[in-house]
Amino acid sequence: MTTAAAELETEVRRLRIRIISLTTAQLDEAAPPAPTRRAAIREALTEFSQVGSEARPVPELADQNLADQVVVLVEHGLRSAQTLPEPDRENRLVALTEAAVRLRRALA
């Protein structure tokens, strides 16, 4: 496993824990520039899909599924990156990691 892949997996674990710990009231709180934390998560889901899943539509599921959706989309992006040539692989991993870090910071 590369350093970039390990960093991404670490971010995924952090995000999962952070999202699971949010209450409904906390999801309703603002997370600038998004109007709410929930909206920030959904925007990130779309970004994860654009980067690693050929921009497939992301269904809007219930709040209890948000963490699982993040994990699934990021892990799919990680797996799909393994099939790419080295420079493209690193670019995808960096893009996913940066998006994950932005989301985690927005949820803080």
Protein backbone atom coordinates (compact mmCIF):
# COMPACT_ATOMS: atom_id res chain seq x y z
CA MET A 1 0.00 0.00 0.00
CA THR A 2 1.31 3.43 -0.91
CA THR A 3 1.60 6.31 1.50
CA ALA A 4 -1.19 8.15 -0.35
CA ALA A 5 -3.50 5.13 -0.03
CA ALA A 6 -2.69 4.80 3.67
CA GLU A 7 -3.42 8.50 4.24
CA LEU A 8 -6.75 8.12 2.47
CA GLU A 9 -7.72 5.11 4.55
CA THR A 10 -6.85 7.03 7.72
CA GLU A 11 -9.06 9.92 6.61
CA VAL A 12 -11.91 7.53 5.84
CA ARG A 13 -11.75 6.09 9.36
CA ARG A 14 -11.71 9.59 10.87
CA LEU A 15 -14.64 10.70 8.74
CA ARG A 16 -16.69 7.64 9.53
CA ILE A 17 -16.27 8.16 13.25
CA ARG A 18 -16.97 11.88 12.94
CA ILE A 19 -20.13 11.41 10.89
CA ILE A 20 -21.48 8.61 13.08
CA SER A 21 -21.02 10.80 16.16
CA LEU A 22 -23.16 13.64 14.76
CA THR A 23 -26.69 13.98 16.09
CA THR A 24 -29.58 15.13 13.95
CA ALA A 25 -29.34 18.57 15.54
CA GLN A 26 -25.63 18.75 14.74
CA LEU A 27 -26.30 17.71 11.15
CA ASP A 28 -28.72 20.63 10.93
CA GLU A 29 -26.05 23.14 12.06
CA ALA A 30 -24.28 25.30 9.50
CA ALA A 31 -20.97 24.18 8.01
CA PRO A 32 -19.87 27.12 5.83
CA PRO A 33 -19.94 27.34 2.90
CA ALA A 34 -22.67 24.65 3.04
CA PRO A 35 -25.91 25.59 4.79
CA THR A 36 -25.72 22.51 7.05
CA ARG A 37 -23.34 19.71 7.94
CA ARG A 38 -25.72 17.31 6.19
CA ALA A 39 -25.45 19.40 3.01
CA ALA A 40 -21.65 19.46 3.34
CA ILE A 41 -21.62 15.66 3.53
CA ARG A 42 -23.89 15.33 0.51
CA GLU A 43 -21.73 17.78 -1.47
CA ALA A 44 -18.67 15.72 -0.56
CA LEU A 45 -20.44 12.53 -1.63
CA THR A 46 -20.99 14.09 -5.04
CA GLU A 47 -17.32 15.09 -5.20
CA PHE A 48 -16.18 11.59 -4.19
CA SER A 49 -18.38 10.18 -6.94
CA GLN A 50 -16.98 12.61 -9.52
CA VAL A 51 -13.41 11.75 -8.63
CA GLY A 52 -13.62 7.99 -8.18
CA SER A 53 -16.89 6.71 -9.63
CA GLU A 54 -17.30 8.38 -13.00
CA ALA A 55 -19.75 10.92 -11.47
CA ARG A 56 -22.46 8.34 -10.88
CA PRO A 57 -25.51 9.81 -9.13
CA VAL A 58 -25.47 9.47 -5.35
CA PRO A 59 -28.86 8.64 -3.83
CA GLU A 60 -30.06 10.73 -0.91
CA LEU A 61 -30.44 8.20 1.86
CA ALA A 62 -31.34 8.71 5.51
CA ASP A 63 -28.91 10.34 7.93
CA GLN A 64 -27.88 7.00 9.43
CA ASN A 65 -26.48 5.99 6.02
CA LEU A 66 -24.27 9.05 5.45
CA ALA A 67 -21.14 7.54 7.00
CA ASP A 68 -21.60 4.32 5.05
CA GLN A 69 -22.03 6.26 1.81
CA VAL A 70 -18.79 8.15 2.44
CA VAL A 71 -16.91 4.93 3.15
CA VAL A 72 -18.31 3.12 0.10
CA LEU A 73 -17.59 5.97 -2.33
CA VAL A 74 -14.08 6.64 -1.07
CA GLU A 75 -13.18 2.95 -0.97
CA HIS A 76 -14.53 2.53 -4.50
CA GLY A 77 -12.34 5.44 -5.60
CA LEU A 78 -9.37 3.82 -3.88
CA ARG A 79 -9.99 0.48 -5.62
CA SER A 80 -10.53 2.12 -9.01
CA ALA A 81 -7.29 4.08 -8.58
CA GLN A 82 -5.36 0.80 -8.36
CA THR A 83 -6.15 0.11 -12.02
CA LEU A 84 -4.70 3.43 -13.23
CA PRO A 85 -1.14 4.21 -14.34
CA GLU A 86 1.04 5.58 -11.53
CA PRO A 87 0.67 9.35 -12.10
CA ASP A 88 -3.11 9.08 -12.52
CA ARG A 89 -3.37 6.80 -9.49
CA GLU A 90 -1.55 9.28 -7.27
CA ASN A 91 -3.63 12.17 -8.60
CA ARG A 92 -6.86 10.34 -7.81
CA LEU A 93 -5.70 9.36 -4.33
CA VAL A 94 -4.60 12.93 -3.60
CA ALA A 95 -7.91 14.34 -4.88
CA LEU A 96 -9.91 11.92 -2.72
CA THR A 97 -7.76 12.60 0.33
CA GLU A 98 -8.06 16.38 -0.08
CA ALA A 99 -11.84 16.10 -0.41
CA ALA A 100 -11.99 13.90 2.70
CA VAL A 101 -9.86 16.34 4.71
CA ARG A 102 -12.05 19.28 3.59
CA LEU A 103 -15.16 17.42 4.69
CA ARG A 104 -13.69 16.45 8.05
CA ARG A 105 -12.71 20.05 8.72
CA ALA A 106 -16.14 21.31 7.66
CA LEU A 107 -17.74 18.91 10.15
CA ALA A 108 -15.53 20.00 13.06
